[in-house]
């Protein structure tokens, strides 16, 4: 019982640390939008990939909202992958 609780706590801590790491590396909203546009990806397509509504992506890019939790991690990973593809 205690080992399962400890494992659960460690998993939660790992997730939290990952979210903090990603939030520090997240590009600005203007850069995020530029990466997406330069890659030729629509807000709708990005939203589908992340499992969110296209309005949500628009709000992130306008600075009205910020992605949170696992979505922020996925968003940062996609942006980084797109950035690398653009740089090729």
PDB file of N, CA and C in Angstrom:
ATOM      1  N   UNK A   1       0.817  -1.197   0.000  1.00  0.00           N
ATOM      2  CA  UNK A   1       0.000   0.000   0.000  1.00  0.00           C
ATOM      3  C   UNK A   1       0.859   1.259   0.000  1.00  0.00           C
ATOM      4  N   UNK A   2       1.841   1.323   0.876  1.00  0.00           N
ATOM      5  CA  UNK A   2       2.693   2.493   0.973  1.00  0.00           C
ATOM      6  C   UNK A   2       3.529   2.640  -0.299  1.00  0.00           C
ATOM      7  N   UNK A   3       3.999   1.522  -0.863  1.00  0.00           N
ATOM      8  CA  UNK A   3       4.821   1.611  -2.073  1.00  0.00           C
ATOM      9  C   UNK A   3       3.984   2.113  -3.257  1.00  0.00           C
ATOM     10  N   UNK A   4       2.704   1.736  -3.323  1.00  0.00           N
ATOM     11  CA  UNK A   4       1.837   2.241  -4.400  1.00  0.00           C
ATOM     12  C   UNK A   4       1.595   3.735  -4.224  1.00  0.00           C
ATOM     13  N   UNK A   5       1.403   4.156  -3.001  1.00  0.00           N
ATOM     14  CA  UNK A   5       1.199   5.572  -2.709  1.00  0.00           C
ATOM     15  C   UNK A   5       2.451   6.372  -3.066  1.00  0.00           C
ATOM     16  N   UNK A   6       3.598   5.845  -2.704  1.00  0.00           N
ATOM     17  CA  UNK A   6       4.866   6.500  -3.018  1.00  0.00           C
ATOM     18  C   UNK A   6       5.064   6.583  -4.535  1.00  0.00           C
ATOM     19  N   UNK A   7       4.755   5.519  -5.254  1.00  0.00           N
ATOM     20  CA  UNK A   7       4.881   5.514  -6.715  1.00  0.00           C
ATOM     21  C   UNK A   7       3.944   6.538  -7.343  1.00  0.00           C
ATOM     22  N   UNK A   8       2.743   6.635  -6.810  1.00  0.00           N
ATOM     23  CA  UNK A   8       1.777   7.612  -7.312  1.00  0.00           C
ATOM     24  C   UNK A   8       2.264   9.034  -7.074  1.00  0.00           C
ATOM     25  N   UNK A   9       2.802   9.278  -5.899  1.00  0.00           N
ATOM     26  CA  UNK A   9       3.336  10.601  -5.567  1.00  0.00           C
ATOM     27  C   UNK A   9       4.513  10.954  -6.471  1.00  0.00           C
ATOM     28  N   UNK A  10       5.405  10.005  -6.721  1.00  0.00           N
ATOM     29  CA  UNK A  10       6.554  10.245  -7.591  1.00  0.00           C
ATOM     30  C   UNK A  10       6.093  10.544  -9.013  1.00  0.00           C
ATOM     31  N   UNK A  11       5.079   9.853  -9.471  1.00  0.00           N
ATOM     32  CA  UNK A  11       4.540  10.104 -10.806  1.00  0.00           C
ATOM     33  C   UNK A  11       3.955  11.511 -10.900  1.00  0.00           C
ATOM     34  N   UNK A  12       3.226  11.909  -9.875  1.00  0.00           N
ATOM     35  CA  UNK A  12       2.639  13.249  -9.836  1.00  0.00           C
ATOM     36  C   UNK A  12       3.733  14.302  -9.806  1.00  0.00           C
ATOM     37  N   UNK A  13       4.762  14.068  -9.026  1.00  0.00           N
ATOM     38  CA  UNK A  13       5.875  15.017  -8.947  1.00  0.00           C
ATOM     39  C   UNK A  13       6.596  15.117 -10.285  1.00  0.00           C
ATOM     40  N   UNK A  14       6.794  13.980 -10.942  1.00  0.00           N
ATOM     41  CA  UNK A  14       7.456  13.986 -12.246  1.00  0.00           C
ATOM     42  C   UNK A  14       6.653  14.793 -13.248  1.00  0.00           C
ATOM     43  N   UNK A  15       5.345  14.625 -13.231  1.00  0.00           N
ATOM     44  CA  UNK A  15       4.464  15.364 -14.122  1.00  0.00           C
ATOM     45  C   UNK A  15       4.564  16.860 -13.840  1.00  0.00           C
ATOM     46  N   UNK A  16       4.546  17.221 -12.580  1.00  0.00           N
ATOM     47  CA  UNK A  16       4.635  18.630 -12.192  1.00  0.00           C
ATOM     48  C   UNK A  16       5.959  19.240 -12.640  1.00  0.00           C
ATOM     49  N   UNK A  17       7.048  18.528 -12.408  1.00  0.00           N
ATOM     50  CA  UNK A  17       8.364  19.019 -12.798  1.00  0.00           C
ATOM     51  C   UNK A  17       8.429  19.180 -14.321  1.00  0.00           C
ATOM     52  N   UNK A  18       7.878  18.240 -15.048  1.00  0.00           N
ATOM     53  CA  UNK A  18       7.854  18.320 -16.513  1.00  0.00           C
ATOM     54  C   UNK A  18       7.049  19.528 -16.979  1.00  0.00           C
ATOM     55  N   UNK A  19       5.913  19.782 -16.353  1.00  0.00           N
ATOM     56  CA  UNK A  19       5.092  20.942 -16.712  1.00  0.00           C
ATOM     57  C   UNK A  19       5.851  22.248 -16.470  1.00  0.00           C
ATOM     58  N   UNK A  20       6.566  22.337 -15.365  1.00  0.00           N
ATOM     59  CA  UNK A  20       7.342  23.539 -15.067  1.00  0.00           C
ATOM     60  C   UNK A  20       8.463  23.697 -16.090  1.00  0.00           C
ATOM     61  N   UNK A  21       9.156  22.625 -16.399  1.00  0.00           N
ATOM     62  CA  UNK A  21      10.244  22.668 -17.385  1.00  0.00           C
ATOM     63  C   UNK A  21       9.726  23.153 -18.735  1.00  0.00           C
ATOM     64  N   UNK A  22       8.616  22.605 -19.161  1.00  0.00           N
ATOM     65  CA  UNK A  22       8.036  22.976 -20.455  1.00  0.00           C
ATOM     66  C   UNK A  22       7.583  24.430 -20.450  1.00  0.00           C
ATOM     67  N   UNK A  23       6.964  24.870 -19.369  1.00  0.00           N
ATOM     68  CA  UNK A  23       6.464  26.251 -19.329  1.00  0.00           C
ATOM     69  C   UNK A  23       7.613  27.251 -19.447  1.00  0.00           C
ATOM     70  N   UNK A  24       8.775  26.899 -18.944  1.00  0.00           N
ATOM     71  CA  UNK A  24       9.934  27.789 -19.055  1.00  0.00           C
ATOM     72  C   UNK A  24      10.496  27.795 -20.468  1.00  0.00           C
ATOM     73  N   UNK A  25      10.284  26.718 -21.220  1.00  0.00           N
ATOM     74  CA  UNK A  25      10.823  26.615 -22.568  1.00  0.00           C
ATOM     75  C   UNK A  25       9.793  26.960 -23.639  1.00  0.00           C
ATOM     76  N   UNK A  26       8.561  27.197 -23.255  1.00  0.00           N
ATOM     77  CA  UNK A  26       7.503  27.485 -24.223  1.00  0.00           C
ATOM     78  C   UNK A  26       7.821  28.795 -24.942  1.00  0.00           C
ATOM     79  N   UNK A  27       7.763  28.766 -26.278  1.00  0.00           N
ATOM     80  CA  UNK A  27       8.005  30.023 -26.993  1.00  0.00           C
ATOM     81  C   UNK A  27       6.891  31.029 -26.713  1.00  0.00           C
ATOM     82  N   UNK A  28       7.187  32.295 -26.970  1.00  0.00           N
ATOM     83  CA  UNK A  28       6.153  33.320 -26.801  1.00  0.00           C
ATOM     84  C   UNK A  28       4.997  33.018 -27.742  1.00  0.00           C
ATOM     85  N   UNK A  29       3.860  33.624 -27.478  1.00  0.00           N
ATOM     86  CA  UNK A  29       2.684  33.364 -28.316  1.00  0.00           C
ATOM     87  C   UNK A  29       2.932  33.757 -29.759  1.00  0.00           C
ATOM     88  N   UNK A  30       3.652  34.861 -29.981  1.00  0.00           N
ATOM     89  CA  UNK A  30       3.938  35.303 -31.348  1.00  0.00           C
ATOM     90  C   UNK A  30       4.854  34.311 -32.060  1.00  0.00           C
ATOM     91  N   UNK A  31       5.845  33.801 -31.349  1.00  0.00           N
ATOM     92  CA  UNK A  31       6.760  32.822 -31.937  1.00  0.00           C
ATOM     93  C   UNK A  31       6.026  31.514 -32.200  1.00  0.00           C
ATOM     94  N   UNK A  32       5.181  31.095 -31.268  1.00  0.00           N
ATOM     95  CA  UNK A  32       4.412  29.862 -31.459  1.00  0.00           C
ATOM     96  C   UNK A  32       3.543  29.963 -32.709  1.00  0.00           C
ATOM     97  N   UNK A  33       2.888  31.091 -32.875  1.00  0.00           N
ATOM     98  CA  UNK A  33       2.048  31.287 -34.062  1.00  0.00           C
ATOM     99  C   UNK A  33       2.901  31.290 -35.333  1.00  0.00           C
ATOM    100  N   UNK A  34       4.042  31.960 -35.285  1.00  0.00           N
ATOM    101  CA  UNK A  34       4.924  32.010 -36.451  1.00  0.00           C
ATOM    102  C   UNK A  34       5.418  30.609 -36.825  1.00  0.00           C
ATOM    103  N   UNK A  35       5.764  29.810 -35.836  1.00  0.00           N
ATOM    104  CA  UNK A  35       6.201  28.428 -36.104  1.00  0.00           C
ATOM    105  C   UNK A  35       5.082  27.670 -36.800  1.00  0.00           C
ATOM    106  N   UNK A  36       3.893  27.758 -36.248  1.00  0.00           N
ATOM    107  CA  UNK A  36       2.749  27.040 -36.827  1.00  0.00           C
ATOM    108  C   UNK A  36       2.491  27.498 -38.262  1.00  0.00           C
ATOM    109  N   UNK A  37       2.461  28.809 -38.470  1.00  0.00           N
ATOM    110  CA  UNK A  37       2.176  29.341 -39.806  1.00  0.00           C
ATOM    111  C   UNK A  37       3.296  28.995 -40.796  1.00  0.00           C
ATOM    112  N   UNK A  38       4.551  29.122 -40.379  1.00  0.00           N
ATOM    113  CA  UNK A  38       5.674  28.793 -41.256  1.00  0.00           C
ATOM    114  C   UNK A  38       5.670  27.324 -41.662  1.00  0.00           C
ATOM    115  N   UNK A  39       5.133  26.480 -40.789  1.00  0.00           N
ATOM    116  CA  UNK A  39       5.046  25.048 -41.079  1.00  0.00           C
ATOM    117  C   UNK A  39       3.820  24.728 -41.934  1.00  0.00           C
ATOM    118  N   UNK A  40       2.963  25.730 -42.154  1.00  0.00           N
ATOM    119  CA  UNK A  40       1.767  25.512 -42.962  1.00  0.00           C
ATOM    120  C   UNK A  40       0.687  24.719 -42.252  1.00  0.00           C
ATOM    121  N   UNK A  41       0.661  24.811 -40.933  1.00  0.00           N
ATOM    122  CA  UNK A  41      -0.317  24.075 -40.129  1.00  0.00           C
ATOM    123  C   UNK A  41      -1.402  25.042 -39.675  1.00  0.00           C
ATOM    124  N   UNK A  42      -2.652  24.673 -39.891  1.00  0.00           N
ATOM    125  CA  UNK A  42      -3.768  25.522 -39.467  1.00  0.00           C
ATOM    126  C   UNK A  42      -4.026  25.347 -37.972  1.00  0.00           C
ATOM    127  N   UNK A  43      -4.719  26.317 -37.404  1.00  0.00           N
ATOM    128  CA  UNK A  43      -5.125  26.192 -36.002  1.00  0.00           C
ATOM    129  C   UNK A  43      -6.019  24.976 -35.829  1.00  0.00           C
ATOM    130  N   UNK A  44      -6.862  24.727 -36.806  1.00  0.00           N
ATOM    131  CA  UNK A  44      -7.772  23.577 -36.730  1.00  0.00           C
ATOM    132  C   UNK A  44      -6.986  22.267 -36.683  1.00  0.00           C
ATOM    133  N   UNK A  45      -5.987  22.139 -37.544  1.00  0.00           N
ATOM    134  CA  UNK A  45      -5.195  20.899 -37.583  1.00  0.00           C
ATOM    135  C   UNK A  45      -4.408  20.714 -36.289  1.00  0.00           C
ATOM    136  N   UNK A  46      -3.819  21.788 -35.790  1.00  0.00           N
ATOM    137  CA  UNK A  46      -3.079  21.706 -34.528  1.00  0.00           C
ATOM    138  C   UNK A  46      -4.016  21.331 -33.387  1.00  0.00           C
ATOM    139  N   UNK A  47      -5.198  21.930 -33.380  1.00  0.00           N
ATOM    140  CA  UNK A  47      -6.185  21.620 -32.339  1.00  0.00           C
ATOM    141  C   UNK A  47      -6.578  20.147 -32.384  1.00  0.00           C
ATOM    142  N   UNK A  48      -6.786  19.624 -33.583  1.00  0.00           N
ATOM    143  CA  UNK A  48      -7.131  18.201 -33.722  1.00  0.00           C
ATOM    144  C   UNK A  48      -6.036  17.322 -33.140  1.00  0.00           C
ATOM    145  N   UNK A  49      -4.799  17.674 -33.426  1.00  0.00           N
ATOM    146  CA  UNK A  49      -3.662  16.892 -32.937  1.00  0.00           C
ATOM    147  C   UNK A  49      -3.588  16.909 -31.414  1.00  0.00           C
ATOM    148  N   UNK A  50      -3.952  18.038 -30.825  1.00  0.00           N
ATOM    149  CA  UNK A  50      -3.872  18.186 -29.366  1.00  0.00           C
ATOM    150  C   UNK A  50      -5.154  17.788 -28.638  1.00  0.00           C
ATOM    151  N   UNK A  51      -6.227  17.551 -29.391  1.00  0.00           N
ATOM    152  CA  UNK A  51      -7.492  17.176 -28.762  1.00  0.00           C
ATOM    153  C   UNK A  51      -8.191  18.348 -28.092  1.00  0.00           C
ATOM    154  N   UNK A  52      -8.006  19.551 -28.659  1.00  0.00           N
ATOM    155  CA  UNK A  52      -8.676  20.734 -28.133  1.00  0.00           C
ATOM    156  C   UNK A  52      -9.457  21.401 -29.262  1.00  0.00           C
ATOM    157  N   UNK A  53     -10.252  22.389 -28.932  1.00  0.00           N
ATOM    158  CA  UNK A  53     -11.031  23.126 -29.921  1.00  0.00           C
ATOM    159  C   UNK A  53     -10.133  24.152 -30.612  1.00  0.00           C
ATOM    160  N   UNK A  54     -10.349  24.419 -31.897  1.00  0.00           N
ATOM    161  CA  UNK A  54      -9.540  25.425 -32.586  1.00  0.00           C
ATOM    162  C   UNK A  54      -9.563  26.803 -31.910  1.00  0.00           C
ATOM    163  N   UNK A  55     -10.661  27.144 -31.279  1.00  0.00           N
ATOM    164  CA  UNK A  55     -10.734  28.423 -30.557  1.00  0.00           C
ATOM    165  C   UNK A  55      -9.720  28.439 -29.414  1.00  0.00           C
ATOM    166  N   UNK A  56      -9.474  27.298 -28.824  1.00  0.00           N
ATOM    167  CA  UNK A  56      -8.491  27.204 -27.748  1.00  0.00           C
ATOM    168  C   UNK A  56      -7.106  27.580 -28.259  1.00  0.00           C
ATOM    169  N   UNK A  57      -6.732  27.044 -29.416  1.00  0.00           N
ATOM    170  CA  UNK A  57      -5.429  27.376 -30.006  1.00  0.00           C
ATOM    171  C   UNK A  57      -5.373  28.870 -30.312  1.00  0.00           C
ATOM    172  N   UNK A  58      -6.444  29.418 -30.857  1.00  0.00           N
ATOM    173  CA  UNK A  58      -6.493  30.856 -31.150  1.00  0.00           C
ATOM    174  C   UNK A  58      -6.299  31.666 -29.875  1.00  0.00           C
ATOM    175  N   UNK A  59      -6.922  31.250 -28.798  1.00  0.00           N
ATOM    176  CA  UNK A  59      -6.782  31.971 -27.526  1.00  0.00           C
ATOM    177  C   UNK A  59      -5.359  31.897 -26.987  1.00  0.00           C
ATOM    178  N   UNK A  60      -4.698  30.756 -27.176  1.00  0.00           N
ATOM    179  CA  UNK A  60      -3.299  30.655 -26.766  1.00  0.00           C
ATOM    180  C   UNK A  60      -2.460  31.653 -27.550  1.00  0.00           C
ATOM    181  N   UNK A  61      -2.694  31.703 -28.864  1.00  0.00           N
ATOM    182  CA  UNK A  61      -1.890  32.562 -29.725  1.00  0.00           C
ATOM    183  C   UNK A  61      -2.194  34.052 -29.507  1.00  0.00           C
ATOM    184  N   UNK A  62      -3.369  34.350 -29.008  1.00  0.00           N
ATOM    185  CA  UNK A  62      -3.726  35.733 -28.694  1.00  0.00           C
ATOM    186  C   UNK A  62      -3.319  36.137 -27.280  1.00  0.00           C
ATOM    187  N   UNK A  63      -2.866  35.178 -26.499  1.00  0.00           N
ATOM    188  CA  UNK A  63      -2.459  35.456 -25.130  1.00  0.00           C
ATOM    189  C   UNK A  63      -3.621  35.520 -24.154  1.00  0.00           C
ATOM    190  N   UNK A  64      -4.779  35.064 -24.576  1.00  0.00           N
ATOM    191  CA  UNK A  64      -5.953  35.082 -23.697  1.00  0.00           C
ATOM    192  C   UNK A  64      -5.941  33.909 -22.720  1.00  0.00           C
ATOM    193  N   UNK A  65      -5.306  32.838 -23.110  1.00  0.00           N
ATOM    194  CA  UNK A  65      -5.216  31.625 -22.292  1.00  0.00           C
ATOM    195  C   UNK A  65      -3.834  31.017 -22.497  1.00  0.00           C
ATOM    196  N   UNK A  66      -3.500  30.063 -21.626  1.00  0.00           N
ATOM    197  CA  UNK A  66      -2.253  29.316 -21.758  1.00  0.00           C
ATOM    198  C   UNK A  66      -2.576  27.834 -21.671  1.00  0.00           C
ATOM    199  N   UNK A  67      -1.883  27.017 -22.448  1.00  0.00           N
ATOM    200  CA  UNK A  67      -2.101  25.573 -22.311  1.00  0.00           C
ATOM    201  C   UNK A  67      -1.623  25.122 -20.937  1.00  0.00           C
ATOM    202  N   UNK A  68      -2.284  24.100 -20.409  1.00  0.00           N
ATOM    203  CA  UNK A  68      -1.923  23.609 -19.079  1.00  0.00           C
ATOM    204  C   UNK A  68      -1.749  22.101 -19.093  1.00  0.00           C
ATOM    205  N   UNK A  69      -1.064  21.635 -18.085  1.00  0.00           N
ATOM    206  CA  UNK A  69      -0.912  20.199 -17.869  1.00  0.00           C
ATOM    207  C   UNK A  69      -0.281  19.477 -19.039  1.00  0.00           C
ATOM    208  N   UNK A  70      -0.792  18.304 -19.309  1.00  0.00           N
ATOM    209  CA  UNK A  70      -0.249  17.472 -20.386  1.00  0.00           C
ATOM    210  C   UNK A  70      -0.414  18.127 -21.743  1.00  0.00           C
ATOM    211  N   UNK A  71      -1.447  18.949 -21.881  1.00  0.00           N
ATOM    212  CA  UNK A  71      -1.643  19.650 -23.148  1.00  0.00           C
ATOM    213  C   UNK A  71      -0.488  20.609 -23.410  1.00  0.00           C
ATOM    214  N   UNK A  72       0.004  21.278 -22.383  1.00  0.00           N
ATOM    215  CA  UNK A  72       1.128  22.201 -22.581  1.00  0.00           C
ATOM    216  C   UNK A  72       2.381  21.444 -23.001  1.00  0.00           C
ATOM    217  N   UNK A  73       2.566  20.268 -22.451  1.00  0.00           N
ATOM    218  CA  UNK A  73       3.723  19.449 -22.817  1.00  0.00           C
ATOM    219  C   UNK A  73       3.609  19.023 -24.276  1.00  0.00           C
ATOM    220  N   UNK A  74       2.441  18.537 -24.666  1.00  0.00           N
ATOM    221  CA  UNK A  74       2.227  18.114 -26.056  1.00  0.00           C
ATOM    222  C   UNK A  74       2.379  19.293 -27.015  1.00  0.00           C
ATOM    223  N   UNK A  75       1.838  20.456 -26.642  1.00  0.00           N
ATOM    224  CA  UNK A  75       1.925  21.650 -27.468  1.00  0.00           C
ATOM    225  C   UNK A  75       3.383  22.046 -27.675  1.00  0.00           C
ATOM    226  N   UNK A  76       4.149  22.073 -26.607  1.00  0.00           N
ATOM    227  CA  UNK A  76       5.565  22.436 -26.704  1.00  0.00           C
ATOM    228  C   UNK A  76       6.328  21.439 -27.572  1.00  0.00           C
ATOM    229  N   UNK A  77       6.021  20.162 -27.427  1.00  0.00           N
ATOM    230  CA  UNK A  77       6.697  19.139 -28.231  1.00  0.00           C
ATOM    231  C   UNK A  77       6.371  19.291 -29.713  1.00  0.00           C
ATOM    232  N   UNK A  78       5.110  19.567 -30.021  1.00  0.00           N
ATOM    233  CA  UNK A  78       4.718  19.768 -31.419  1.00  0.00           C
ATOM    234  C   UNK A  78       5.397  21.003 -31.989  1.00  0.00           C
ATOM    235  N   UNK A  79       5.393  22.090 -31.250  1.00  0.00           N
ATOM    236  CA  UNK A  79       6.042  23.305 -31.728  1.00  0.00           C
ATOM    237  C   UNK A  79       7.528  23.074 -31.980  1.00  0.00           C
ATOM    238  N   UNK A  80       8.187  22.362 -31.098  1.00  0.00           N
ATOM    239  CA  UNK A  80       9.614  22.079 -31.278  1.00  0.00           C
ATOM    240  C   UNK A  80       9.840  21.215 -32.521  1.00  0.00           C
ATOM    241  N   UNK A  81       9.001  20.212 -32.723  1.00  0.00           N
ATOM    242  CA  UNK A  81       9.129  19.365 -33.904  1.00  0.00           C
ATOM    243  C   UNK A  81       8.902  20.175 -35.183  1.00  0.00           C
ATOM    244  N   UNK A  82       7.896  21.044 -35.168  1.00  0.00           N
ATOM    245  CA  UNK A  82       7.640  21.896 -36.331  1.00  0.00           C
ATOM    246  C   UNK A  82       8.814  22.845 -36.575  1.00  0.00           C
ATOM    247  N   UNK A  83       9.344  23.425 -35.507  1.00  0.00           N
ATOM    248  CA  UNK A  83      10.483  24.333 -35.628  1.00  0.00           C
ATOM    249  C   UNK A  83      11.670  23.617 -36.266  1.00  0.00           C
ATOM    250  N   UNK A  84      11.916  22.397 -35.847  1.00  0.00           N
ATOM    251  CA  UNK A  84      13.027  21.634 -36.413  1.00  0.00           C
ATOM    252  C   UNK A  84      12.797  21.312 -37.887  1.00  0.00           C
ATOM    253  N   UNK A  85      11.565  21.005 -38.259  1.00  0.00           N
ATOM    254  CA  UNK A  85      11.247  20.730 -39.662  1.00  0.00           C
ATOM    255  C   UNK A  85      11.442  21.973 -40.524  1.00  0.00           C
ATOM    256  N   UNK A  86      11.050  23.129 -39.998  1.00  0.00           N
ATOM    257  CA  UNK A  86      11.205  24.382 -40.733  1.00  0.00           C
ATOM    258  C   UNK A  86      12.685  24.683 -40.960  1.00  0.00           C
ATOM    259  N   UNK A  87      13.507  24.377 -39.970  1.00  0.00           N
ATOM    260  CA  UNK A  87      14.935  24.692 -40.021  1.00  0.00           C
ATOM    261  C   UNK A  87      15.698  23.817 -41.023  1.00  0.00           C
ATOM    262  N   UNK A  88      15.117  22.721 -41.452  1.00  0.00           N
ATOM    263  CA  UNK A  88      15.824  21.807 -42.386  1.00  0.00           C
ATOM    264  C   UNK A  88      15.983  22.427 -43.744  1.00  0.00           C
TER     265      UNK A  88
END
